[in-house]
Every structure is written in structure tokens, then in C-alpha cells.
Amino acid sequence: MSGGDVSRNETMSDPDNHILLADDEQGIRDTLGTYLRRSGYAVTTAANGYEALECLERDRFFLVVTDITMPNLNGLELLRHVRENYPGTDVVMITGNVDLDYAIEALRAGAYDYFQKPLHFDTVGFAVERVRERQRMRRAELEIKTLKTAAYETVIGFVQAVEEKDSATKGHSERVAQMTEALGAAIGLGEEALVHCRYAGLLHDVGKIGIPEQILNKPSKLTDGEFALIKEHPVMGARILEPITFLRPVAEAIRGHHENFDGTGYPDRLAGDAIPLIARLVRIADVYDGLAMDRPYRAPVKTEEVVQYIQEHAGSLFDPALVDAFVRLVVCAAADQPVGA
């Protein structure tokens, strides 16, 4: 193999730093290969498409730099093979043909970039670094997404455990999540904040995992001691979520979802704008759904009576600006009525 001049260290190198250079011109393999090695990359060379296939089967690469015109298996065929079988590997094309149709075809087939001979090595080097940086970002995003999924699934398990303990509130968290997100959208929150709204609504009662089941399901009035324990659930919920970095804004909202706008709530007796905005949204949605639910100790409250209760407590329990938005844009929409009806 013409690419047999590759050292053992290069073929066993970090795949995130390893380049496969395929070109039937010995001069390109030597000069471009030397330039890339001096730039800090490990380089394996191949004299034609079939040799490149053998290298791909044996080693892993973050990038293939290949000539378009090669005997037997050309660069476009190699590109298609890489895209189909090694989707994490990018391809940069080299062409000695002045006809740009070849380059356009390569880009349409999924090549990251192309360069015409004679090559300007610095330009190629910049493209290689862009490829590597893009792949770093892609891996980081994937890792974050994986961590978020794992963390979210863990917390959802807590929610399910709470609803198993507090059977009377099954489905409550999902409804509060939907209502909180709808209210957030009604006041013009952005996409990331709306995700936090949904998570906060869904997880607002997660702290109840630490409350004894006999208290959660007690059909009669709670004692002062039992109610004091219930009042700890916002703090417990926040503690569960705080170690999860992307859920910290949600943890703040959960801690504050029983704060009253006039400062008489718990656990921190916050008032007005000192209460996190999403906590104020969850507060309204939680009370609305809680009153509308059938409970062991009472029948569900009629919708119009719940709305009246929330309106009457605007400025005391609830942020008055949010109450107006809630009544106009959430309740009316749920009833399929025009805004202002």
C-alpha cells in the first residue's frame, strides 16, 4: 500500500485528531500530509479509493481529505461510502478539475468543503480546524442532551412516585405543566423560559416524595404539625433539583411556588417581583387545577367560581398582571371563547 509510510502511533492515535488523506498523487500525499502533521494532526495516507476503504475499516478518523479524481474508486464514491457508513466523519474534497460541477456535486453529496489544486495549505488547514471545532460542539451538544434526558427521566420517576403516594392528585402535575406553559406563552416568554415553565409545572410537587403517604391522603383537616410538614415540600423539591445544572431555574421556581404576592406565603415570605416569575405562574396554575380537582374532602369547584377566587386574590395571593393574562388568555382559550368575552 502506498500509504504504508504511516507510523504505528498515527494509526493508533486519537480518532478525534486523525485524518485520512486519499490522493493518487504522491506529491500531494507527501506535502499536504507533512503540513497537517506539523499542524498537530495524525495522518494516514492512501493512494486510491480502495486503499482508503481499507484504512476506514481498520482505523477511525474525524476527517477524510480526498481527491475527487482517482482511479478505480473515485472521491465521490468514497464520499458516499463515508456518509453512509461513518456518519460522524466529515469529508473535504480536492479537485484538479476547473469544472465546478464536480465540486457542486460533492457538496450536494455531503462534503464539508472542497479545494482546487494547486492547494493553499493554510486555507485547507483553516477548514480542517473548522471541521474539528464543529465536531467538538456536536459532541458537547450530544453529551448535554444525553445528560438532560437521563436527569429528566430520573425526576419524572420522582413525579410518578409522588402521584402513586398521593393518588388523589394523579394527572395534576401534567395539567399544571400545560397551564403554566400556556400562561408563559400568553405573556410572551421565549422558548427556553417556556421549557422551564413546563418543567416547573410538571415537577412543582416533587418534594412531596418526602411527605408520609398518610398525610398526603388524609381525608380530614390536617393538624398544625402535619401542615408544617406539608409546607416543607417546596424546599425538598428544590433540593432534589438543584444538583441538576440545567434545572436550577426550575428549582428556584419550585421553591417559590407557594409564595404569595403580598409576602404572606412560604417558605421564604417573598413578595412581588422578588418571587421568581415562573413560580408566580405555577402558583396560579396550581391553585386553579387544585380547586377544580375532585378531592377526598370536597367536590370540585366550578370553573367560574375558581376564576372568581383567583381574581379576588389578585394582589394578595397572585401577581395581578398574571391573573389578568390567565383569565383572558388561558381560561377563555380553554373554554373556546374569544379573548375579552
Protein backbone atom coordinates (compact mmCIF):
# COMPACT_ATOMS: atom_id res chain seq x y z
CA MET A 1 0.00 0.00 0.00
CA SER A 2 1.27 3.42 -0.90
CA GLY A 3 0.01 4.70 2.43
CA GLY A 4 2.28 2.26 4.26
CA ASP A 5 4.60 5.05 5.33
CA VAL A 6 2.26 5.77 8.24
CA SER A 7 3.75 5.17 11.68
CA ARG A 8 2.16 2.87 14.24
CA ASN A 9 1.49 5.82 16.56
CA GLU A 10 -0.57 7.54 13.89
CA THR A 11 -2.73 4.52 13.14
CA MET A 12 -3.40 4.09 16.86
CA SER A 13 -3.95 7.81 17.53
CA ASP A 14 -6.94 9.63 18.94
CA PRO A 15 -9.67 9.41 16.25
CA ASP A 16 -10.73 12.97 17.08
CA ASN A 17 -7.32 14.11 15.80
CA HIS A 18 -6.85 11.57 12.99
CA ILE A 19 -7.12 12.47 9.29
CA LEU A 20 -7.27 10.13 6.31
CA LEU A 21 -5.67 11.71 3.22
CA ALA A 22 -6.54 9.95 -0.06
CA ASP A 23 -4.92 11.14 -3.30
CA ASP A 24 -3.33 9.32 -6.19
CA GLU A 25 -0.60 11.97 -6.44
CA GLN A 26 2.39 11.08 -4.28
CA GLY A 27 3.40 14.74 -4.14
CA ILE A 28 0.06 15.78 -2.58
CA ARG A 29 0.21 12.95 -0.05
CA ASP A 30 3.73 13.95 0.95
CA THR A 31 3.40 17.73 1.07
CA LEU A 32 -0.14 18.07 2.45
CA GLY A 33 0.44 15.15 4.81
CA THR A 34 3.59 16.80 6.16
CA TYR A 35 1.78 20.13 6.59
CA LEU A 36 -1.09 18.52 8.52
CA ARG A 37 1.30 16.55 10.75
CA ARG A 38 3.21 19.72 11.57
CA SER A 39 -0.13 21.29 12.46
CA GLY A 40 -0.58 18.63 15.11
CA TYR A 41 -2.73 16.06 13.35
CA ALA A 42 -2.12 12.35 12.91
CA VAL A 43 -2.36 11.50 9.21
CA THR A 44 -2.88 8.23 7.38
CA THR A 45 -2.43 8.31 3.59
CA ALA A 46 -4.00 6.23 0.83
CA ALA A 47 -3.13 6.22 -2.88
CA ASN A 48 -6.63 5.42 -4.14
CA GLY A 49 -10.22 4.88 -3.03
CA TYR A 50 -9.84 1.17 -2.26
CA GLU A 51 -6.85 1.80 -0.01
CA ALA A 52 -8.91 4.47 1.73
CA LEU A 53 -11.68 1.92 2.34
CA GLU A 54 -9.18 -0.43 3.95
CA CYS A 55 -7.96 2.39 6.22
CA LEU A 56 -11.55 3.22 7.22
CA GLU A 57 -12.18 -0.39 8.16
CA ARG A 58 -9.01 -0.51 10.27
CA ASP A 59 -8.97 2.91 11.96
CA ARG A 60 -11.27 5.77 12.96
CA PHE A 61 -10.95 9.32 11.60
CA PHE A 62 -12.65 12.62 12.26
CA LEU A 63 -11.94 13.75 8.68
CA VAL A 64 -11.27 12.33 5.23
CA VAL A 65 -9.48 14.61 2.76
CA THR A 66 -9.81 13.05 -0.68
CA ASP A 67 -9.14 13.88 -4.29
CA ILE A 68 -12.26 13.70 -6.46
CA THR A 69 -10.50 12.10 -9.42
CA MET A 70 -8.79 8.83 -8.52
CA PRO A 71 -8.52 5.52 -10.38
CA ASN A 72 -10.81 2.60 -9.60
CA LEU A 73 -12.88 4.15 -6.78
CA ASN A 74 -13.10 7.93 -7.15
CA GLY A 75 -13.52 10.55 -4.46
CA LEU A 76 -17.27 10.97 -4.94
CA GLU A 77 -17.80 7.24 -4.47
CA LEU A 78 -15.58 7.34 -1.39
CA LEU A 79 -17.58 10.32 -0.08
CA ARG A 80 -20.86 8.41 -0.42
CA HIS A 81 -19.35 5.40 1.35
CA VAL A 82 -18.18 7.58 4.26
CA ARG A 83 -21.54 9.35 4.56
CA GLU A 84 -23.38 6.03 4.60
CA ASN A 85 -21.11 4.04 6.90
CA TYR A 86 -19.25 6.62 9.01
CA PRO A 87 -21.73 9.45 9.65
CA GLY A 88 -19.52 11.00 12.34
CA THR A 89 -16.67 11.53 9.85
CA ASP A 90 -16.58 14.65 7.67
CA VAL A 91 -15.16 14.80 4.16
CA VAL A 92 -13.22 17.58 2.41
CA MET A 93 -12.74 17.23 -1.34
CA ILE A 94 -9.75 18.16 -3.51
CA THR A 95 -10.14 18.67 -7.24
CA GLY A 96 -7.73 19.44 -10.03
CA ASN A 97 -10.61 19.96 -12.44
CA VAL A 98 -11.58 23.55 -13.18
CA ASP A 99 -15.15 22.42 -13.89
CA LEU A 100 -17.06 23.44 -10.76
CA ASP A 101 -19.79 20.86 -11.45
CA TYR A 102 -17.61 18.28 -9.69
CA ALA A 103 -17.34 20.44 -6.60
CA ILE A 104 -21.06 21.21 -6.59
CA GLU A 105 -21.85 17.52 -6.87
CA ALA A 106 -19.53 16.82 -3.93
CA LEU A 107 -21.20 19.45 -1.74
CA ARG A 108 -24.65 18.12 -2.63
CA ALA A 109 -23.46 14.64 -1.68
CA GLY A 110 -22.50 15.90 1.78
CA ALA A 111 -18.89 17.10 1.57
CA TYR A 112 -18.00 19.75 4.15
CA ASP A 113 -15.86 21.78 1.73
CA TYR A 114 -13.74 21.50 -1.43
CA PHE A 115 -10.44 22.97 -2.67
CA GLN A 116 -8.92 23.27 -6.11
CA LYS A 117 -5.34 22.35 -6.93
CA PRO A 118 -2.79 23.83 -6.59
CA LEU A 119 -3.60 23.84 -2.88
CA HIS A 120 -3.06 26.68 -0.44
CA PHE A 121 -2.23 24.67 2.65
CA ASP A 122 -3.14 27.39 5.13
CA THR A 123 -6.65 27.57 3.67
CA VAL A 124 -7.00 23.81 3.91
CA GLY A 125 -5.70 23.97 7.49
CA PHE A 126 -8.36 26.51 8.48
CA ALA A 127 -11.06 24.27 7.03
CA VAL A 128 -9.72 21.25 8.93
CA GLU A 129 -9.79 23.19 12.20
CA ARG A 130 -13.37 24.31 11.49
CA VAL A 131 -14.36 20.70 10.98
CA ARG A 132 -12.76 19.65 14.24
CA GLU A 133 -14.36 22.53 16.16
CA ARG A 134 -17.77 21.74 14.68
CA GLN A 135 -17.41 18.13 15.73
CA ARG A 136 -16.37 19.18 19.26
CA MET A 137 -19.52 21.28 19.52
CA ARG A 138 -21.64 18.47 18.12
CA ARG A 139 -20.25 16.02 20.69
CA ALA A 140 -20.77 18.53 23.50
CA GLU A 141 -24.38 19.11 22.46
CA LEU A 142 -24.98 15.36 22.30
CA GLU A 143 -23.47 14.87 25.75
CA ILE A 144 -25.60 17.66 27.20
CA LYS A 145 -28.71 16.25 25.55
CA THR A 146 -27.93 12.79 26.92
CA LEU A 147 -27.37 14.16 30.41
CA LYS A 148 -30.56 16.19 30.26
CA THR A 149 -32.55 13.18 29.12
CA ALA A 150 -31.14 10.99 31.88
CA ALA A 151 -31.71 13.65 34.54
CA TYR A 152 -35.21 14.41 33.32
CA GLU A 153 -36.17 10.74 33.26
CA THR A 154 -34.90 10.40 36.81
CA VAL A 155 -37.00 13.31 38.01
CA ILE A 156 -40.05 12.05 36.12
CA GLY A 157 -39.64 8.89 38.14
CA PHE A 158 -39.94 11.04 41.26
CA VAL A 159 -43.14 12.64 39.90
CA GLN A 160 -44.64 9.23 39.24
CA ALA A 161 -43.66 8.14 42.74
CA VAL A 162 -45.40 11.21 44.21
CA GLU A 163 -48.58 10.51 42.28
CA GLU A 164 -48.51 6.92 43.46
CA LYS A 165 -48.34 8.20 47.05
CA ASP A 166 -50.88 10.98 46.53
CA SER A 167 -53.38 9.11 44.36
CA ALA A 168 -56.00 11.88 44.56
CA THR A 169 -53.77 14.23 42.55
CA LYS A 170 -52.93 11.88 39.65
CA GLY A 171 -52.61 13.92 36.48
CA HIS A 172 -52.38 17.18 38.43
CA SER A 173 -48.70 17.78 37.61
CA GLU A 174 -49.24 17.33 33.89
CA ARG A 175 -52.21 19.72 33.87
CA VAL A 176 -50.29 22.32 35.88
CA ALA A 177 -47.39 21.95 33.42
CA GLN A 178 -49.64 22.55 30.44
CA MET A 179 -51.33 25.53 32.07
CA THR A 180 -48.06 27.10 33.23
CA GLU A 181 -46.57 26.77 29.76
CA ALA A 182 -49.71 28.23 28.16
CA LEU A 183 -49.66 31.19 30.55
CA GLY A 184 -45.95 31.72 29.88
CA ALA A 185 -46.65 31.78 26.16
CA ALA A 186 -49.53 34.22 26.73
CA ILE A 187 -47.21 36.76 28.36
CA GLY A 188 -44.60 36.35 25.62
CA LEU A 189 -41.86 34.26 27.25
CA GLY A 190 -39.15 32.84 24.99
CA GLU A 191 -38.60 29.22 24.08
CA GLU A 192 -36.10 28.41 26.85
CA ALA A 193 -38.30 30.03 29.50
CA LEU A 194 -41.30 28.06 28.24
CA VAL A 195 -39.34 24.83 28.68
CA HIS A 196 -38.65 25.92 32.26
CA CYS A 197 -42.35 26.69 32.70
CA ARG A 198 -43.30 23.20 31.62
CA TYR A 199 -40.68 21.53 33.81
CA ALA A 200 -41.60 23.67 36.82
CA GLY A 201 -45.27 22.83 36.43
CA LEU A 202 -44.54 19.18 35.96
CA LEU A 203 -42.16 18.98 38.92
CA HIS A 204 -43.67 21.50 41.33
CA ASP A 205 -44.80 18.82 43.80
CA VAL A 206 -41.73 16.59 43.51
CA GLY A 207 -40.79 17.45 47.10
CA LYS A 208 -43.84 15.53 48.31
CA ILE A 209 -41.77 12.40 47.80
CA GLY A 210 -40.54 13.12 51.35
CA ILE A 211 -44.03 13.52 52.88
CA PRO A 212 -45.64 10.46 54.56
CA GLU A 213 -48.45 8.95 52.50
CA GLN A 214 -50.93 9.04 55.38
CA ILE A 215 -50.59 12.82 55.49
CA LEU A 216 -50.89 13.30 51.73
CA ASN A 217 -54.06 11.19 51.58
CA LYS A 218 -55.62 12.29 54.85
CA PRO A 219 -59.38 12.86 54.20
CA SER A 220 -59.83 15.23 57.16
CA LYS A 221 -58.25 18.54 58.11
CA LEU A 222 -54.51 18.46 58.74
CA THR A 223 -53.11 19.23 62.16
CA ASP A 224 -50.74 22.17 62.56
CA GLY A 225 -47.81 19.76 62.69
CA GLU A 226 -48.92 17.91 59.57
CA PHE A 227 -49.43 21.15 57.68
CA ALA A 228 -45.98 22.35 58.78
CA LEU A 229 -44.54 19.19 57.23
CA ILE A 230 -46.51 19.70 54.01
CA LYS A 231 -45.11 23.24 53.80
CA GLU A 232 -41.61 21.76 53.53
CA HIS A 233 -42.27 20.22 50.11
CA PRO A 234 -41.18 23.28 48.05
CA VAL A 235 -37.82 23.26 49.84
CA MET A 236 -37.47 19.48 49.43
CA GLY A 237 -38.31 19.74 45.73
CA ALA A 238 -35.75 22.47 45.16
CA ARG A 239 -33.08 20.40 46.92
CA ILE A 240 -33.82 17.44 44.66
CA LEU A 241 -33.36 19.53 41.51
CA GLU A 242 -30.56 21.95 42.46
CA PRO A 243 -27.72 19.48 41.73
CA ILE A 244 -29.01 19.19 38.13
CA THR A 245 -27.44 22.25 36.47
CA PHE A 246 -29.96 22.80 33.67
CA LEU A 247 -32.86 22.52 36.13
CA ARG A 248 -31.63 25.18 38.56
CA PRO A 249 -34.05 27.85 37.24
CA VAL A 250 -36.79 25.24 37.70
CA ALA A 251 -35.61 24.55 41.25
CA GLU A 252 -35.95 28.26 42.08
CA ALA A 253 -39.50 28.28 40.71
CA ILE A 254 -40.43 25.17 42.67
CA ARG A 255 -39.11 26.63 45.91
CA GLY A 256 -41.21 29.74 45.34
CA HIS A 257 -44.47 28.29 44.02
CA HIS A 258 -46.25 28.75 47.38
CA GLU A 259 -45.06 32.31 47.91
CA ASN A 260 -47.87 34.90 47.96
CA PHE A 261 -47.61 38.16 46.09
CA ASP A 262 -48.20 40.10 49.32
CA GLY A 263 -45.39 38.29 51.16
CA THR A 264 -47.54 36.02 53.35
CA GLY A 265 -46.60 32.75 51.65
CA TYR A 266 -43.89 30.17 52.33
CA PRO A 267 -41.11 29.10 52.69
CA ASP A 268 -39.26 32.45 52.35
CA ARG A 269 -42.10 35.01 52.62
CA LEU A 270 -41.04 36.63 49.36
CA ALA A 271 -43.25 39.35 47.88
CA GLY A 272 -43.91 40.90 44.49
CA ASP A 273 -41.16 40.71 41.91
CA ALA A 274 -38.84 39.04 44.43
CA ILE A 275 -40.78 35.86 43.69
CA PRO A 276 -39.36 34.19 40.55
CA LEU A 277 -41.64 34.84 37.59
CA ILE A 278 -42.13 31.16 36.78
CA ALA A 279 -43.02 30.49 40.43
CA ARG A 280 -45.77 33.13 40.11
CA LEU A 281 -47.06 31.37 37.00
CA VAL A 282 -47.05 27.96 38.69
CA ARG A 283 -48.83 29.47 41.72
CA ILE A 284 -51.87 30.41 39.62
CA ALA A 285 -51.94 27.17 37.63
CA ASP A 286 -51.51 25.05 40.76
CA VAL A 287 -54.35 26.75 42.62
CA TYR A 288 -56.64 26.70 39.58
CA ASP A 289 -56.18 22.99 38.98
CA GLY A 290 -56.21 22.15 42.68
CA LEU A 291 -59.58 23.80 43.20
CA ALA A 292 -61.03 22.31 40.02
CA MET A 293 -59.99 18.79 41.08
CA ASP A 294 -62.18 16.30 42.93
CA ARG A 295 -60.62 15.81 46.38
CA PRO A 296 -61.43 13.24 49.10
CA TYR A 297 -62.66 16.04 51.38
CA ARG A 298 -64.66 18.10 48.83
CA ALA A 299 -66.25 18.16 45.39
CA PRO A 300 -64.57 20.01 42.53
CA VAL A 301 -65.20 23.75 42.42
CA LYS A 302 -66.95 25.08 39.32
CA THR A 303 -64.73 26.81 36.80
CA GLU A 304 -66.39 30.19 37.13
CA GLU A 305 -66.02 30.04 40.91
CA VAL A 306 -62.32 29.17 40.61
CA VAL A 307 -61.79 32.09 38.24
CA GLN A 308 -63.63 34.40 40.65
CA TYR A 309 -61.46 33.18 43.55
CA ILE A 310 -58.25 33.87 41.62
CA GLN A 311 -59.48 37.31 40.58
CA GLU A 312 -60.48 38.17 44.14
CA HIS A 313 -56.98 37.28 45.36
CA ALA A 314 -55.08 39.22 42.71
CA GLY A 315 -52.50 41.30 44.55
CA SER A 316 -52.64 39.14 47.68
CA LEU A 317 -52.01 35.55 46.62
CA PHE A 318 -51.32 36.18 42.95
CA ASP A 319 -49.50 38.63 40.70
CA PRO A 320 -52.36 40.82 39.40
CA ALA A 321 -50.80 41.25 35.96
CA LEU A 322 -50.62 37.47 35.59
CA VAL A 323 -54.17 37.00 36.85
CA ASP A 324 -55.45 39.22 34.06
CA ALA A 325 -53.42 37.28 31.48
CA PHE A 326 -54.56 33.99 32.98
CA VAL A 327 -58.25 34.81 32.84
CA ARG A 328 -58.11 36.32 29.37
CA LEU A 329 -55.73 34.02 27.54
CA VAL A 330 -55.84 30.67 29.35
CA VAL A 331 -59.32 30.21 30.76
CA CYS A 332 -61.06 31.80 27.78
CA ALA A 333 -58.99 29.73 25.36
CA ALA A 334 -59.80 26.54 27.30
CA ALA A 335 -63.49 27.38 27.06
CA ASP A 336 -63.09 28.16 23.33
CA GLN A 337 -64.27 31.72 23.93
CA PRO A 338 -62.88 34.85 22.27
CA VAL A 339 -60.49 36.91 24.36
CA GLY A 340 -62.44 39.53 26.32
CA ALA A 341 -65.70 37.58 26.22
